Protein backbone atom coordinates (compact mmCIF):
# COMPACT_ATOMS: atom_id res chain seq x y z
CA MET A 1 -11.77 -52.63 -7.51
CA THR A 2 -10.03 -56.20 -7.62
CA PRO A 3 -9.42 -58.29 -4.41
CA LYS A 4 -6.23 -58.55 -2.99
CA ILE A 5 -4.45 -61.55 -3.91
CA GLN A 6 -1.81 -63.28 -1.39
CA GLN A 7 0.74 -64.79 -2.28
CA ASN A 8 3.33 -66.93 -0.20
CA VAL A 9 6.54 -67.37 -1.82
CA VAL A 10 9.47 -68.83 -0.74
CA SER A 11 12.67 -67.71 -0.88
CA ARG A 12 15.91 -70.27 -2.03
CA ASN A 13 16.90 -69.70 1.67
CA GLY A 14 14.31 -70.80 2.95
CA ASN A 15 12.37 -68.36 3.99
CA ARG A 16 8.62 -67.40 3.70
CA VAL A 17 7.80 -63.93 2.37
CA GLN A 18 4.27 -62.89 1.77
CA SER A 19 3.84 -60.25 -1.03
CA VAL A 20 0.07 -58.31 -1.84
CA SER A 21 -0.54 -58.22 -6.02
CA ARG A 22 1.12 -55.80 -7.58
CA SER A 23 -2.35 -54.21 -8.57
CA ASN A 24 -2.78 -52.89 -5.36
CA ARG A 25 0.24 -51.31 -4.23
CA GLY A 26 0.47 -47.47 -4.13
CA ALA A 27 -3.30 -47.59 -5.04
CA ILE A 28 -5.69 -44.37 -3.62
CA ASN A 29 -8.82 -45.28 -2.08
CA HIS A 30 -11.09 -43.05 -0.39
CA THR A 31 -9.49 -43.18 3.21
CA THR A 32 -5.98 -42.60 1.94
CA ALA A 33 -8.05 -38.92 -0.42
CA ALA A 34 -9.90 -37.95 2.76
CA LEU A 35 -6.74 -38.34 5.28
CA MET A 36 -4.50 -36.31 2.44
CA LEU A 37 -6.76 -33.42 1.83
CA GLY A 38 -7.50 -33.03 5.89
CA PHE A 39 -3.65 -33.32 6.60
CA ALA A 40 -3.55 -30.32 3.49
CA ALA A 41 -6.13 -28.72 4.80
CA VAL A 42 -4.43 -28.69 8.60
CA THR A 43 -1.41 -27.63 7.55
CA MET A 44 -3.00 -24.48 5.40
CA VAL A 45 -4.87 -23.71 8.74
CA GLY A 46 -1.77 -23.86 10.96
CA ALA A 47 0.21 -21.42 8.47
CA LEU A 48 -2.43 -19.30 7.63
CA GLY A 49 -2.70 -18.77 11.77
CA PHE A 50 0.93 -18.47 11.98
CA PHE A 51 0.95 -15.72 9.50
CA TYR A 52 -1.68 -13.60 11.01
CA LEU A 53 -0.04 -14.61 14.63
CA GLN A 54 3.28 -13.11 13.26
CA GLN A 55 1.42 -9.90 11.71
CA VAL A 56 -0.31 -9.19 14.66
CA VAL A 57 2.97 -9.35 17.07
CA HIS A 58 4.78 -6.88 14.11
CA THR A 59 1.99 -4.70 14.58
CA ALA A 60 2.51 -4.21 17.99
CA SER A 61 5.96 -3.90 18.56
CA GLN A 62 5.40 -1.40 15.42
CA SER A 63 3.11 1.06 17.52
CA THR A 64 5.49 0.88 20.91
CA ASP A 65 8.45 2.12 18.23
CA VAL A 66 5.98 5.02 17.25
CA ARG A 67 4.49 5.44 21.10
CA GLU A 68 8.57 5.84 21.95
CA LEU A 69 8.99 7.82 18.93
CA GLU A 70 6.56 10.74 19.81
CA SER A 71 7.66 10.45 22.98
CA ARG A 72 10.70 11.75 21.83
CA ILE A 73 9.73 14.49 19.82
CA THR A 74 7.55 15.66 22.60
CA ASP A 75 10.79 16.13 24.62
CA LEU A 76 12.79 17.46 21.54
CA LYS A 77 10.18 20.45 21.20
CA GLU A 78 10.93 21.13 24.40
CA LYS A 79 14.31 21.48 24.46
CA GLN A 80 14.16 23.48 21.40
CA ARG A 81 11.98 25.96 22.82
CA VAL A 82 14.09 26.18 26.15
CA ILE A 83 17.24 27.13 23.69
CA GLU A 84 15.46 29.57 21.94
CA LEU A 85 14.43 31.24 24.72
CA GLN A 86 18.21 31.27 26.45
CA GLY A 87 19.22 32.65 23.43
CA ALA A 88 16.59 35.11 23.19
CA GLN A 89 17.99 36.44 26.77
CA ILE A 90 21.69 36.66 25.59
CA ARG A 91 21.00 38.63 22.75
CA SER A 92 17.85 40.68 24.80
CA LEU A 93 19.53 44.44 24.58
CA LYS A 94 19.94 44.45 28.76
CA ASN A 95 22.25 41.58 28.63
CA VAL A 96 24.42 43.21 25.59
CA GLU A 97 24.05 46.65 27.79
CA ASN A 98 25.83 44.46 31.24
CA ASP A 99 28.25 42.88 28.84
CA VAL A 100 29.34 46.78 27.74
CA GLU A 101 29.54 48.03 30.87
CA LYS A 102 31.44 44.61 31.88
CA MET A 103 34.41 44.97 29.10
CA ASN A 104 34.70 48.69 29.95
CA LEU A 105 34.15 49.78 26.49
CA VAL A 106 32.84 53.39 26.06
CA PRO A 107 29.88 54.45 24.08
CA THR A 108 30.66 56.09 20.57
CA GLU A 109 29.35 59.27 19.41
CA LYS A 110 29.75 59.13 15.58
CA VAL A 111 28.83 55.87 13.74
CA SER A 112 30.12 55.14 10.40
CA TYR A 113 28.17 52.25 8.23
CA LEU A 114 29.15 50.45 5.27
CA ALA A 115 26.28 50.65 2.62
CA PRO A 116 27.14 49.06 -0.81
CA ILE A 117 26.12 51.06 -3.79
CA ASN A 118 26.95 48.18 -6.59
CA ASP A 119 27.99 44.70 -6.67
CA ASP A 120 31.97 45.63 -6.55
CA ARG A 121 31.76 49.20 -4.37
CA VAL A 122 31.11 50.41 -1.19
CA ALA A 123 30.61 53.32 0.23
CA MET A 124 30.72 54.52 3.82
CA VAL A 125 28.28 56.51 5.40
CA VAL A 126 29.45 59.10 7.88
CA ASN A 127 26.56 60.26 10.55
CA LYS A 128 27.14 63.59 12.31
């Protein structure tokens, strides 16, 4: 390395200015390189730490959402079971017989059924 050469320069208006020779300006020495490498390492560790924390928080929030959805599924399955039971009760033979009496319907003596013969014709079957 070359030694620093200082020059005392007097400007036209009488101010004294010290300048360092152009050969040392912007030179990268051991200390500057070590500081730059240290700063880069700290920046990388900080960025990776931030990324890790972001992933942990995201995963935790997703597990909360999953628990809420599982709870909702359980509630909906219970409602489905209740509705199926209500439908079975409504369609039960006892309820149909009670509805027949409430509507003052008369039981039939002769039943007629329509039975398909082919795709385009229908026949009536009469039970006697």
